[in-house]
């Protein structure tokens, strides 16, 4: 198999792993709360060859899936719970968004 064919086959398999179903996991329902796991996917690939026929090439790669957060939905309220001790800025913004939208909606109704 040529390096080109090997890389194409490897990328085809990586596409199966690196999809939205992997990033956003299967929702877990417990009573009135739904939890959605969120993961980060890292992919690394390397290929090379001398161009001198079969057996003179190599390929390697790896995929890492790291859980980074849980999205919880309870009674229509959405919260993001990060897996580390410090909240990231984006997580804080996402956590504040429902309350901000509710406050703006109340102001507009007045």
PDB file of N, CA and C in Angstrom:
ATOM      1  N   UNK A   1       0.856  -1.185   0.000  1.00  0.00           N
ATOM      2  CA  UNK A   1       0.000   0.000   0.000  1.00  0.00           C
ATOM      3  C   UNK A   1       0.894   1.237   0.000  1.00  0.00           C
ATOM      4  N   UNK A   2       0.600   2.201  -0.829  1.00  0.00           N
ATOM      5  CA  UNK A   2       1.404   3.418  -0.914  1.00  0.00           C
ATOM      6  C   UNK A   2       1.135   4.321   0.290  1.00  0.00           C
ATOM      7  N   UNK A   3       2.036   5.278   0.523  1.00  0.00           N
ATOM      8  CA  UNK A   3       1.850   6.242   1.610  1.00  0.00           C
ATOM      9  C   UNK A   3       0.544   6.997   1.413  1.00  0.00           C
ATOM     10  N   UNK A   4       0.265   7.377   0.171  1.00  0.00           N
ATOM     11  CA  UNK A   4      -0.959   8.114  -0.136  1.00  0.00           C
ATOM     12  C   UNK A   4      -2.193   7.299   0.252  1.00  0.00           C
ATOM     13  N   UNK A   5      -2.217   6.023  -0.102  1.00  0.00           N
ATOM     14  CA  UNK A   5      -3.352   5.159   0.239  1.00  0.00           C
ATOM     15  C   UNK A   5      -3.464   4.952   1.751  1.00  0.00           C
ATOM     16  N   UNK A   6      -2.323   4.800   2.406  1.00  0.00           N
ATOM     17  CA  UNK A   6      -2.312   4.605   3.859  1.00  0.00           C
ATOM     18  C   UNK A   6      -2.841   5.838   4.570  1.00  0.00           C
ATOM     19  N   UNK A   7      -2.390   7.015   4.153  1.00  0.00           N
ATOM     20  CA  UNK A   7      -2.859   8.271   4.751  1.00  0.00           C
ATOM     21  C   UNK A   7      -4.362   8.436   4.520  1.00  0.00           C
ATOM     22  N   UNK A   8      -4.827   8.137   3.319  1.00  0.00           N
ATOM     23  CA  UNK A   8      -6.262   8.248   3.020  1.00  0.00           C
ATOM     24  C   UNK A   8      -7.073   7.312   3.914  1.00  0.00           C
ATOM     25  N   UNK A   9      -6.596   6.084   4.112  1.00  0.00           N
ATOM     26  CA  UNK A   9      -7.302   5.130   4.968  1.00  0.00           C
ATOM     27  C   UNK A   9      -7.304   5.609   6.418  1.00  0.00           C
ATOM     28  N   UNK A  10      -6.166   6.132   6.881  1.00  0.00           N
ATOM     29  CA  UNK A  10      -6.067   6.631   8.250  1.00  0.00           C
ATOM     30  C   UNK A  10      -6.993   7.825   8.470  1.00  0.00           C
ATOM     31  N   UNK A  11      -7.000   8.764   7.537  1.00  0.00           N
ATOM     32  CA  UNK A  11      -7.871   9.936   7.669  1.00  0.00           C
ATOM     33  C   UNK A  11      -9.340   9.545   7.655  1.00  0.00           C
ATOM     34  N   UNK A  12      -9.693   8.524   6.905  1.00  0.00           N
ATOM     35  CA  UNK A  12     -11.068   8.035   6.885  1.00  0.00           C
ATOM     36  C   UNK A  12     -11.479   7.543   8.270  1.00  0.00           C
ATOM     37  N   UNK A  13     -10.573   6.836   8.940  1.00  0.00           N
ATOM     38  CA  UNK A  13     -10.859   6.335  10.281  1.00  0.00           C
ATOM     39  C   UNK A  13     -10.915   7.469  11.301  1.00  0.00           C
ATOM     40  N   UNK A  14     -10.032   8.464  11.155  1.00  0.00           N
ATOM     41  CA  UNK A  14     -10.032   9.609  12.066  1.00  0.00           C
ATOM     42  C   UNK A  14     -11.349  10.369  11.953  1.00  0.00           C
ATOM     43  N   UNK A  15     -11.882  10.500  10.736  1.00  0.00           N
ATOM     44  CA  UNK A  15     -13.161  11.187  10.545  1.00  0.00           C
ATOM     45  C   UNK A  15     -14.283  10.501  11.312  1.00  0.00           C
ATOM     46  N   UNK A  16     -14.217   9.193  11.428  1.00  0.00           N
ATOM     47  CA  UNK A  16     -15.239   8.451  12.178  1.00  0.00           C
ATOM     48  C   UNK A  16     -15.163   8.769  13.664  1.00  0.00           C
ATOM     49  N   UNK A  17     -13.941   9.003  14.171  1.00  0.00           N
ATOM     50  CA  UNK A  17     -13.754   9.286  15.592  1.00  0.00           C
ATOM     51  C   UNK A  17     -14.067  10.748  15.894  1.00  0.00           C
ATOM     52  N   UNK A  18     -13.554  11.661  15.071  1.00  0.00           N
ATOM     53  CA  UNK A  18     -13.663  13.100  15.315  1.00  0.00           C
ATOM     54  C   UNK A  18     -14.970  13.635  14.748  1.00  0.00           C
ATOM     55  N   UNK A  19     -16.068  13.299  15.371  1.00  0.00           N
ATOM     56  CA  UNK A  19     -17.381  13.778  14.938  1.00  0.00           C
ATOM     57  C   UNK A  19     -18.107  14.385  16.127  1.00  0.00           C
ATOM     58  N   UNK A  20     -19.187  15.063  15.866  1.00  0.00           N
ATOM     59  CA  UNK A  20     -19.889  15.761  16.943  1.00  0.00           C
ATOM     60  C   UNK A  20     -20.386  14.806  18.024  1.00  0.00           C
ATOM     61  N   UNK A  21     -20.685  13.553  17.680  1.00  0.00           N
ATOM     62  CA  UNK A  21     -21.136  12.591  18.688  1.00  0.00           C
ATOM     63  C   UNK A  21     -20.034  12.288  19.692  1.00  0.00           C
ATOM     64  N   UNK A  22     -18.783  12.463  19.297  1.00  0.00           N
ATOM     65  CA  UNK A  22     -17.670  12.246  20.210  1.00  0.00           C
ATOM     66  C   UNK A  22     -17.456  13.472  21.086  1.00  0.00           C
ATOM     67  N   UNK A  23     -17.591  14.666  20.513  1.00  0.00           N
ATOM     68  CA  UNK A  23     -17.415  15.904  21.271  1.00  0.00           C
ATOM     69  C   UNK A  23     -18.555  16.080  22.265  1.00  0.00           C
ATOM     70  N   UNK A  24     -19.781  15.949  21.811  1.00  0.00           N
ATOM     71  CA  UNK A  24     -20.948  16.021  22.684  1.00  0.00           C
ATOM     72  C   UNK A  24     -21.470  14.608  22.853  1.00  0.00           C
ATOM     73  N   UNK A  25     -21.269  14.048  24.039  1.00  0.00           N
ATOM     74  CA  UNK A  25     -21.633  12.659  24.291  1.00  0.00           C
ATOM     75  C   UNK A  25     -23.126  12.442  24.392  1.00  0.00           C
ATOM     76  N   UNK A  26     -23.486  11.190  24.570  1.00  0.00           N
ATOM     77  CA  UNK A  26     -24.879  10.783  24.710  1.00  0.00           C
ATOM     78  C   UNK A  26     -25.485  11.437  25.960  1.00  0.00           C
ATOM     79  N   UNK A  27     -26.618  12.136  25.833  1.00  0.00           N
ATOM     80  CA  UNK A  27     -27.247  12.762  27.004  1.00  0.00           C
ATOM     81  C   UNK A  27     -27.643  11.719  28.052  1.00  0.00           C
ATOM     82  N   UNK A  28     -27.474  12.097  29.316  1.00  0.00           N
ATOM     83  CA  UNK A  28     -27.835  11.249  30.442  1.00  0.00           C
ATOM     84  C   UNK A  28     -28.987  11.942  31.170  1.00  0.00           C
ATOM     85  N   UNK A  29     -30.117  11.255  31.274  1.00  0.00           N
ATOM     86  CA  UNK A  29     -31.299  11.836  31.914  1.00  0.00           C
ATOM     87  C   UNK A  29     -31.457  11.230  33.303  1.00  0.00           C
ATOM     88  N   UNK A  30     -31.550  12.110  34.306  1.00  0.00           N
ATOM     89  CA  UNK A  30     -31.775  11.687  35.687  1.00  0.00           C
ATOM     90  C   UNK A  30     -32.847  12.593  36.274  1.00  0.00           C
ATOM     91  N   UNK A  31     -34.072  12.085  36.362  1.00  0.00           N
ATOM     92  CA  UNK A  31     -35.180  12.907  36.845  1.00  0.00           C
ATOM     93  C   UNK A  31     -35.455  14.046  35.892  1.00  0.00           C
ATOM     94  N   UNK A  32     -35.450  15.271  36.409  1.00  0.00           N
ATOM     95  CA  UNK A  32     -35.720  16.438  35.556  1.00  0.00           C
ATOM     96  C   UNK A  32     -34.428  17.097  35.058  1.00  0.00           C
ATOM     97  N   UNK A  33     -33.297  16.414  35.223  1.00  0.00           N
ATOM     98  CA  UNK A  33     -32.009  16.953  34.793  1.00  0.00           C
ATOM     99  C   UNK A  33     -31.432  16.107  33.664  1.00  0.00           C
ATOM    100  N   UNK A  34     -30.913  16.792  32.650  1.00  0.00           N
ATOM    101  CA  UNK A  34     -30.206  16.134  31.550  1.00  0.00           C
ATOM    102  C   UNK A  34     -28.759  16.600  31.578  1.00  0.00           C
ATOM    103  N   UNK A  35     -27.836  15.643  31.566  1.00  0.00           N
ATOM    104  CA  UNK A  35     -26.405  15.943  31.535  1.00  0.00           C
ATOM    105  C   UNK A  35     -25.844  15.554  30.175  1.00  0.00           C
ATOM    106  N   UNK A  36     -25.068  16.448  29.590  1.00  0.00           N
ATOM    107  CA  UNK A  36     -24.442  16.183  28.292  1.00  0.00           C
ATOM    108  C   UNK A  36     -22.928  16.324  28.476  1.00  0.00           C
ATOM    109  N   UNK A  37     -22.184  15.211  28.351  1.00  0.00           N
ATOM    110  CA  UNK A  37     -20.730  15.308  28.473  1.00  0.00           C
ATOM    111  C   UNK A  37     -20.113  15.983  27.249  1.00  0.00           C
ATOM    112  N   UNK A  38     -19.083  16.796  27.488  1.00  0.00           N
ATOM    113  CA  UNK A  38     -18.381  17.503  26.411  1.00  0.00           C
ATOM    114  C   UNK A  38     -16.904  17.113  26.484  1.00  0.00           C
ATOM    115  N   UNK A  39     -16.332  16.751  25.339  1.00  0.00           N
ATOM    116  CA  UNK A  39     -14.931  16.334  25.283  1.00  0.00           C
ATOM    117  C   UNK A  39     -14.163  17.149  24.257  1.00  0.00           C
ATOM    118  N   UNK A  40     -12.854  17.183  24.448  1.00  0.00           N
ATOM    119  CA  UNK A  40     -11.945  17.804  23.485  1.00  0.00           C
ATOM    120  C   UNK A  40     -11.242  16.669  22.750  1.00  0.00           C
ATOM    121  N   UNK A  41     -11.127  16.795  21.432  1.00  0.00           N
ATOM    122  CA  UNK A  41     -10.459  15.776  20.632  1.00  0.00           C
ATOM    123  C   UNK A  41      -9.173  16.369  20.071  1.00  0.00           C
ATOM    124  N   UNK A  42      -8.070  15.653  20.275  1.00  0.00           N
ATOM    125  CA  UNK A  42      -6.777  16.048  19.701  1.00  0.00           C
ATOM    126  C   UNK A  42      -6.305  14.923  18.789  1.00  0.00           C
ATOM    127  N   UNK A  43      -5.882  15.285  17.582  1.00  0.00           N
ATOM    128  CA  UNK A  43      -5.436  14.299  16.601  1.00  0.00           C
ATOM    129  C   UNK A  43      -4.039  14.692  16.128  1.00  0.00           C
ATOM    130  N   UNK A  44      -3.155  13.719  16.069  1.00  0.00           N
ATOM    131  CA  UNK A  44      -1.816  13.953  15.543  1.00  0.00           C
ATOM    132  C   UNK A  44      -1.467  12.873  14.529  1.00  0.00           C
ATOM    133  N   UNK A  45      -0.969  13.278  13.389  1.00  0.00           N
ATOM    134  CA  UNK A  45      -0.605  12.331  12.323  1.00  0.00           C
ATOM    135  C   UNK A  45       0.756  12.702  11.756  1.00  0.00           C
ATOM    136  N   UNK A  46       1.501  11.674  11.336  1.00  0.00           N
ATOM    137  CA  UNK A  46       2.766  11.905  10.650  1.00  0.00           C
ATOM    138  C   UNK A  46       2.960  10.800   9.622  1.00  0.00           C
ATOM    139  N   UNK A  47       3.460  11.162   8.458  1.00  0.00           N
ATOM    140  CA  UNK A  47       3.729  10.174   7.415  1.00  0.00           C
ATOM    141  C   UNK A  47       4.975  10.608   6.662  1.00  0.00           C
ATOM    142  N   UNK A  48       5.691   9.630   6.168  1.00  0.00           N
ATOM    143  CA  UNK A  48       6.881   9.958   5.404  1.00  0.00           C
ATOM    144  C   UNK A  48       7.369   8.753   4.625  1.00  0.00           C
ATOM    145  N   UNK A  49       8.193   9.019   3.679  1.00  0.00           N
ATOM    146  CA  UNK A  49       8.756   7.941   2.879  1.00  0.00           C
ATOM    147  C   UNK A  49       9.870   8.452   2.004  1.00  0.00           C
ATOM    148  N   UNK A  50      10.652   7.510   1.490  1.00  0.00           N
ATOM    149  CA  UNK A  50      11.774   7.891   0.633  1.00  0.00           C
ATOM    150  C   UNK A  50      11.375   7.921  -0.833  1.00  0.00           C
ATOM    151  N   UNK A  51      10.196   7.366  -1.138  1.00  0.00           N
ATOM    152  CA  UNK A  51       9.763   7.334  -2.530  1.00  0.00           C
ATOM    153  C   UNK A  51      10.439   6.246  -3.334  1.00  0.00           C
ATOM    154  N   UNK A  52      11.051   5.271  -2.658  1.00  0.00           N
ATOM    155  CA  UNK A  52      11.790   4.219  -3.357  1.00  0.00           C
ATOM    156  C   UNK A  52      11.062   2.884  -3.291  1.00  0.00           C
ATOM    157  N   UNK A  53       9.743   2.905  -3.352  1.00  0.00           N
ATOM    158  CA  UNK A  53       8.990   1.658  -3.416  1.00  0.00           C
ATOM    159  C   UNK A  53       8.377   1.240  -2.093  1.00  0.00           C
ATOM    160  N   UNK A  54       7.781   0.054  -2.123  1.00  0.00           N
ATOM    161  CA  UNK A  54       7.105  -0.497  -0.953  1.00  0.00           C
ATOM    162  C   UNK A  54       8.099  -0.692   0.196  1.00  0.00           C
ATOM    163  N   UNK A  55       7.620  -0.498   1.410  1.00  0.00           N
ATOM    164  CA  UNK A  55       8.451  -0.733   2.580  1.00  0.00           C
ATOM    165  C   UNK A  55       9.389   0.404   2.921  1.00  0.00           C
ATOM    166  N   UNK A  56       9.401   1.458   2.149  1.00  0.00           N
ATOM    167  CA  UNK A  56      10.300   2.583   2.432  1.00  0.00           C
ATOM    168  C   UNK A  56       9.517   3.780   2.950  1.00  0.00           C
ATOM    169  N   UNK A  57       8.404   3.507   3.605  1.00  0.00           N
ATOM    170  CA  UNK A  57       7.590   4.597   4.132  1.00  0.00           C
ATOM    171  C   UNK A  57       7.081   4.207   5.513  1.00  0.00           C
ATOM    172  N   UNK A  58       6.610   5.195   6.226  1.00  0.00           N
ATOM    173  CA  UNK A  58       6.060   4.944   7.556  1.00  0.00           C
ATOM    174  C   UNK A  58       4.965   5.936   7.864  1.00  0.00           C
ATOM    175  N   UNK A  59       4.113   5.558   8.779  1.00  0.00           N
ATOM    176  CA  UNK A  59       3.012   6.424   9.175  1.00  0.00           C
ATOM    177  C   UNK A  59       2.698   6.170  10.636  1.00  0.00           C
ATOM    178  N   UNK A  60       2.296   7.207  11.329  1.00  0.00           N
ATOM    179  CA  UNK A  60       1.923   7.064  12.732  1.00  0.00           C
ATOM    180  C   UNK A  60       0.907   8.111  13.100  1.00  0.00           C
ATOM    181  N   UNK A  61       0.215   7.858  14.154  1.00  0.00           N
ATOM    182  CA  UNK A  61      -0.786   8.827  14.568  1.00  0.00           C
ATOM    183  C   UNK A  61      -1.366   8.475  15.912  1.00  0.00           C
ATOM    184  N   UNK A  62      -2.132   9.399  16.428  1.00  0.00           N
ATOM    185  CA  UNK A  62      -2.797   9.175  17.701  1.00  0.00           C
ATOM    186  C   UNK A  62      -3.993  10.085  17.845  1.00  0.00           C
ATOM    187  N   UNK A  63      -4.945   9.634  18.624  1.00  0.00           N
ATOM    188  CA  UNK A  63      -6.142  10.414  18.919  1.00  0.00           C
ATOM    189  C   UNK A  63      -6.308  10.430  20.428  1.00  0.00           C
ATOM    190  N   UNK A  64      -6.582  11.610  20.978  1.00  0.00           N
ATOM    191  CA  UNK A  64      -6.811  11.735  22.408  1.00  0.00           C
ATOM    192  C   UNK A  64      -8.172  12.400  22.623  1.00  0.00           C
ATOM    193  N   UNK A  65      -9.017  11.764  23.429  1.00  0.00           N
ATOM    194  CA  UNK A  65     -10.315  12.321  23.780  1.00  0.00           C
ATOM    195  C   UNK A  65     -10.267  12.648  25.269  1.00  0.00           C
ATOM    196  N   UNK A  66     -10.444  13.936  25.600  1.00  0.00           N
ATOM    197  CA  UNK A  66     -10.343  14.405  26.984  1.00  0.00           C
ATOM    198  C   UNK A  66     -11.667  15.023  27.419  1.00  0.00           C
ATOM    199  N   UNK A  67     -12.289  14.511  28.487  1.00  0.00           N
ATOM    200  CA  UNK A  67     -13.501  15.157  28.991  1.00  0.00           C
ATOM    201  C   UNK A  67     -13.160  16.544  29.546  1.00  0.00           C
ATOM    202  N   UNK A  68     -13.945  17.554  29.148  1.00  0.00           N
ATOM    203  CA  UNK A  68     -13.643  18.913  29.610  1.00  0.00           C
ATOM    204  C   UNK A  68     -14.796  19.578  30.360  1.00  0.00           C
ATOM    205  N   UNK A  69     -16.029  19.087  30.148  1.00  0.00           N
ATOM    206  CA  UNK A  69     -17.160  19.753  30.796  1.00  0.00           C
ATOM    207  C   UNK A  69     -18.400  18.874  30.774  1.00  0.00           C
ATOM    208  N   UNK A  70     -19.372  19.287  31.565  1.00  0.00           N
ATOM    209  CA  UNK A  70     -20.719  18.727  31.524  1.00  0.00           C
ATOM    210  C   UNK A  70     -21.682  19.887  31.333  1.00  0.00           C
ATOM    211  N   UNK A  71     -22.615  19.730  30.428  1.00  0.00           N
ATOM    212  CA  UNK A  71     -23.694  20.707  30.264  1.00  0.00           C
ATOM    213  C   UNK A  71     -24.896  20.105  30.972  1.00  0.00           C
ATOM    214  N   UNK A  72     -25.471  20.857  31.902  1.00  0.00           N
ATOM    215  CA  UNK A  72     -26.658  20.367  32.592  1.00  0.00           C
ATOM    216  C   UNK A  72     -27.854  21.238  32.226  1.00  0.00           C
ATOM    217  N   UNK A  73     -28.978  20.573  32.023  1.00  0.00           N
ATOM    218  CA  UNK A  73     -30.227  21.267  31.719  1.00  0.00           C
ATOM    219  C   UNK A  73     -31.246  20.803  32.760  1.00  0.00           C
ATOM    220  N   UNK A  74     -31.697  21.741  33.606  1.00  0.00           N
ATOM    221  CA  UNK A  74     -32.675  21.444  34.643  1.00  0.00           C
ATOM    222  C   UNK A  74     -33.771  22.484  34.577  1.00  0.00           C
ATOM    223  N   UNK A  75     -35.003  22.022  34.331  1.00  0.00           N
ATOM    224  CA  UNK A  75     -36.156  22.930  34.245  1.00  0.00           C
ATOM    225  C   UNK A  75     -35.895  24.093  33.296  1.00  0.00           C
ATOM    226  N   UNK A  76     -35.268  23.817  32.169  1.00  0.00           N
ATOM    227  CA  UNK A  76     -35.017  24.843  31.160  1.00  0.00           C
ATOM    228  C   UNK A  76     -33.804  25.703  31.426  1.00  0.00           C
ATOM    229  N   UNK A  77     -33.131  25.519  32.546  1.00  0.00           N
ATOM    230  CA  UNK A  77     -31.931  26.313  32.856  1.00  0.00           C
ATOM    231  C   UNK A  77     -30.693  25.504  32.470  1.00  0.00           C
ATOM    232  N   UNK A  78     -29.839  26.136  31.657  1.00  0.00           N
ATOM    233  CA  UNK A  78     -28.640  25.478  31.149  1.00  0.00           C
ATOM    234  C   UNK A  78     -27.424  25.983  31.923  1.00  0.00           C
ATOM    235  N   UNK A  79     -26.577  25.053  32.367  1.00  0.00           N
ATOM    236  CA  UNK A  79     -25.333  25.397  33.068  1.00  0.00           C
ATOM    237  C   UNK A  79     -24.199  24.572  32.488  1.00  0.00           C
ATOM    238  N   UNK A  80     -22.999  25.155  32.494  1.00  0.00           N
ATOM    239  CA  UNK A  80     -21.807  24.445  32.055  1.00  0.00           C
ATOM    240  C   UNK A  80     -20.910  24.244  33.268  1.00  0.00           C
ATOM    241  N   UNK A  81     -20.515  23.005  33.488  1.00  0.00           N
ATOM    242  CA  UNK A  81     -19.658  22.655  34.621  1.00  0.00           C
ATOM    243  C   UNK A  81     -18.343  22.138  34.051  1.00  0.00           C
ATOM    244  N   UNK A  82     -17.266  22.942  34.191  1.00  0.00           N
ATOM    245  CA  UNK A  82     -15.975  22.535  33.645  1.00  0.00           C
ATOM    246  C   UNK A  82     -15.337  21.490  34.551  1.00  0.00           C
ATOM    247  N   UNK A  83     -14.447  20.696  33.969  1.00  0.00           N
ATOM    248  CA  UNK A  83     -13.802  19.620  34.709  1.00  0.00           C
ATOM    249  C   UNK A  83     -12.610  20.093  35.529  1.00  0.00           C
ATOM    250  N   UNK A  84     -12.158  21.334  35.322  1.00  0.00           N
ATOM    251  CA  UNK A  84     -11.037  21.820  36.120  1.00  0.00           C
ATOM    252  C   UNK A  84     -11.556  22.726  37.227  1.00  0.00           C
ATOM    253  N   UNK A  85     -10.699  23.068  38.159  1.00  0.00           N
ATOM    254  CA  UNK A  85     -11.116  23.882  39.304  1.00  0.00           C
ATOM    255  C   UNK A  85     -11.406  25.329  38.933  1.00  0.00           C
ATOM    256  N   UNK A  86     -10.702  25.853  37.924  1.00  0.00           N
ATOM    257  CA  UNK A  86     -10.920  27.233  37.502  1.00  0.00           C
ATOM    258  C   UNK A  86     -11.838  27.293  36.299  1.00  0.00           C
ATOM    259  N   UNK A  87     -12.875  28.116  36.382  1.00  0.00           N
ATOM    260  CA  UNK A  87     -13.782  28.282  35.247  1.00  0.00           C
ATOM    261  C   UNK A  87     -13.090  29.067  34.143  1.00  0.00           C
ATOM    262  N   UNK A  88     -13.262  28.630  32.915  1.00  0.00           N
ATOM    263  CA  UNK A  88     -12.728  29.385  31.786  1.00  0.00           C
ATOM    264  C   UNK A  88     -13.675  30.550  31.501  1.00  0.00           C
ATOM    265  N   UNK A  89     -13.179  31.543  30.799  1.00  0.00           N
ATOM    266  CA  UNK A  89     -14.009  32.709  30.469  1.00  0.00           C
ATOM    267  C   UNK A  89     -15.233  32.302  29.662  1.00  0.00           C
ATOM    268  N   UNK A  90     -15.048  31.409  28.684  1.00  0.00           N
ATOM    269  CA  UNK A  90     -16.176  31.009  27.839  1.00  0.00           C
ATOM    270  C   UNK A  90     -17.233  30.267  28.667  1.00  0.00           C
ATOM    271  N   UNK A  91     -16.799  29.454  29.627  1.00  0.00           N
ATOM    272  CA  UNK A  91     -17.757  28.741  30.479  1.00  0.00           C
ATOM    273  C   UNK A  91     -18.553  29.727  31.326  1.00  0.00           C
ATOM    274  N   UNK A  92     -17.876  30.755  31.835  1.00  0.00           N
ATOM    275  CA  UNK A  92     -18.591  31.770  32.619  1.00  0.00           C
ATOM    276  C   UNK A  92     -19.623  32.498  31.760  1.00  0.00           C
ATOM    277  N   UNK A  93     -19.251  32.825  30.534  1.00  0.00           N
ATOM    278  CA  UNK A  93     -20.185  33.513  29.630  1.00  0.00           C
ATOM    279  C   UNK A  93     -21.386  32.623  29.335  1.00  0.00           C
ATOM    280  N   UNK A  94     -21.121  31.340  29.044  1.00  0.00           N
ATOM    281  CA  UNK A  94     -22.223  30.415  28.750  1.00  0.00           C
ATOM    282  C   UNK A  94     -23.119  30.251  29.972  1.00  0.00           C
ATOM    283  N   UNK A  95     -22.530  30.182  31.167  1.00  0.00           N
ATOM    284  CA  UNK A  95     -23.326  30.052  32.388  1.00  0.00           C
ATOM    285  C   UNK A  95     -24.190  31.277  32.640  1.00  0.00           C
ATOM    286  N   UNK A  96     -23.690  32.449  32.282  1.00  0.00           N
ATOM    287  CA  UNK A  96     -24.443  33.686  32.517  1.00  0.00           C
ATOM    288  C   UNK A  96     -25.484  33.963  31.437  1.00  0.00           C
ATOM    289  N   UNK A  97     -25.335  33.378  30.265  1.00  0.00           N
ATOM    290  CA  UNK A  97     -26.211  33.687  29.130  1.00  0.00           C
ATOM    291  C   UNK A  97     -27.695  33.507  29.430  1.00  0.00           C
ATOM    292  N   UNK A  98     -28.137  32.375  30.009  1.00  0.00           N
ATOM    293  CA  UNK A  98     -29.583  32.243  30.258  1.00  0.00           C
ATOM    294  C   UNK A  98     -30.130  33.327  31.186  1.00  0.00           C
ATOM    295  N   UNK A  99     -29.385  33.668  32.248  1.00  0.00           N
ATOM    296  CA  UNK A  99     -29.835  34.713  33.172  1.00  0.00           C
ATOM    297  C   UNK A  99     -29.855  36.078  32.490  1.00  0.00           C
ATOM    298  N   UNK A 100     -28.860  36.340  31.653  1.00  0.00           N
ATOM    299  CA  UNK A 100     -28.793  37.602  30.929  1.00  0.00           C
ATOM    300  C   UNK A 100     -29.955  37.740  29.957  1.00  0.00           C
ATOM    301  N   UNK A 101     -30.248  36.670  29.232  1.00  0.00           N
ATOM    302  CA  UNK A 101     -31.369  36.688  28.284  1.00  0.00           C
ATOM    303  C   UNK A 101     -32.682  36.907  29.024  1.00  0.00           C
ATOM    304  N   UNK A 102     -32.849  36.246  30.161  1.00  0.00           N
ATOM    305  CA  UNK A 102     -34.075  36.415  30.962  1.00  0.00           C
ATOM    306  C   UNK A 102     -34.215  37.852  31.452  1.00  0.00           C
ATOM    307  N   UNK A 103     -33.121  38.447  31.937  1.00  0.00           N
ATOM    308  CA  UNK A 103     -33.157  39.826  32.425  1.00  0.00           C
ATOM    309  C   UNK A 103     -33.487  40.807  31.299  1.00  0.00           C
ATOM    310  N   UNK A 104     -32.897  40.604  30.129  1.00  0.00           N
ATOM    311  CA  UNK A 104     -33.174  41.478  28.984  1.00  0.00           C
ATOM    312  C   UNK A 104     -34.627  41.337  28.542  1.00  0.00           C
ATOM    313  N   UNK A 105     -35.123  40.104  28.520  1.00  0.00           N
ATOM    314  CA  UNK A 105     -36.513  39.871  28.132  1.00  0.00           C
ATOM    315  C   UNK A 105     -37.473  40.572  29.086  1.00  0.00           C
ATOM    316  N   UNK A 106     -37.211  40.510  30.387  1.00  0.00           N
ATOM    317  CA  UNK A 106     -38.053  41.186  31.385  1.00  0.00           C
ATOM    318  C   UNK A 106     -38.036  42.702  31.172  1.00  0.00           C
ATOM    319  N   UNK A 107     -36.846  43.243  30.911  1.00  0.00           N
ATOM    320  CA  UNK A 107     -36.725  44.695  30.684  1.00  0.00           C
ATOM    321  C   UNK A 107     -37.505  45.125  29.435  1.00  0.00           C
ATOM    322  N   UNK A 108     -37.423  44.317  28.375  1.00  0.00           N
ATOM    323  CA  UNK A 108     -38.114  44.654  27.139  1.00  0.00           C
ATOM    324  C   UNK A 108     -39.633  44.582  27.299  1.00  0.00           C
ATOM    325  N   UNK A 109     -40.109  43.694  28.141  1.00  0.00           N
ATOM    326  CA  UNK A 109     -41.552  43.564  28.364  1.00  0.00           C
ATOM    327  C   UNK A 109     -42.121  44.757  29.120  1.00  0.00           C
ATOM    328  N   UNK A 110     -41.272  45.432  29.928  1.00  0.00           N
ATOM    329  CA  UNK A 110     -41.711  46.604  30.666  1.00  0.00           C
ATOM    330  C   UNK A 110     -41.778  47.736  29.743  1.00  0.00           C
TER     331      UNK A 110
END
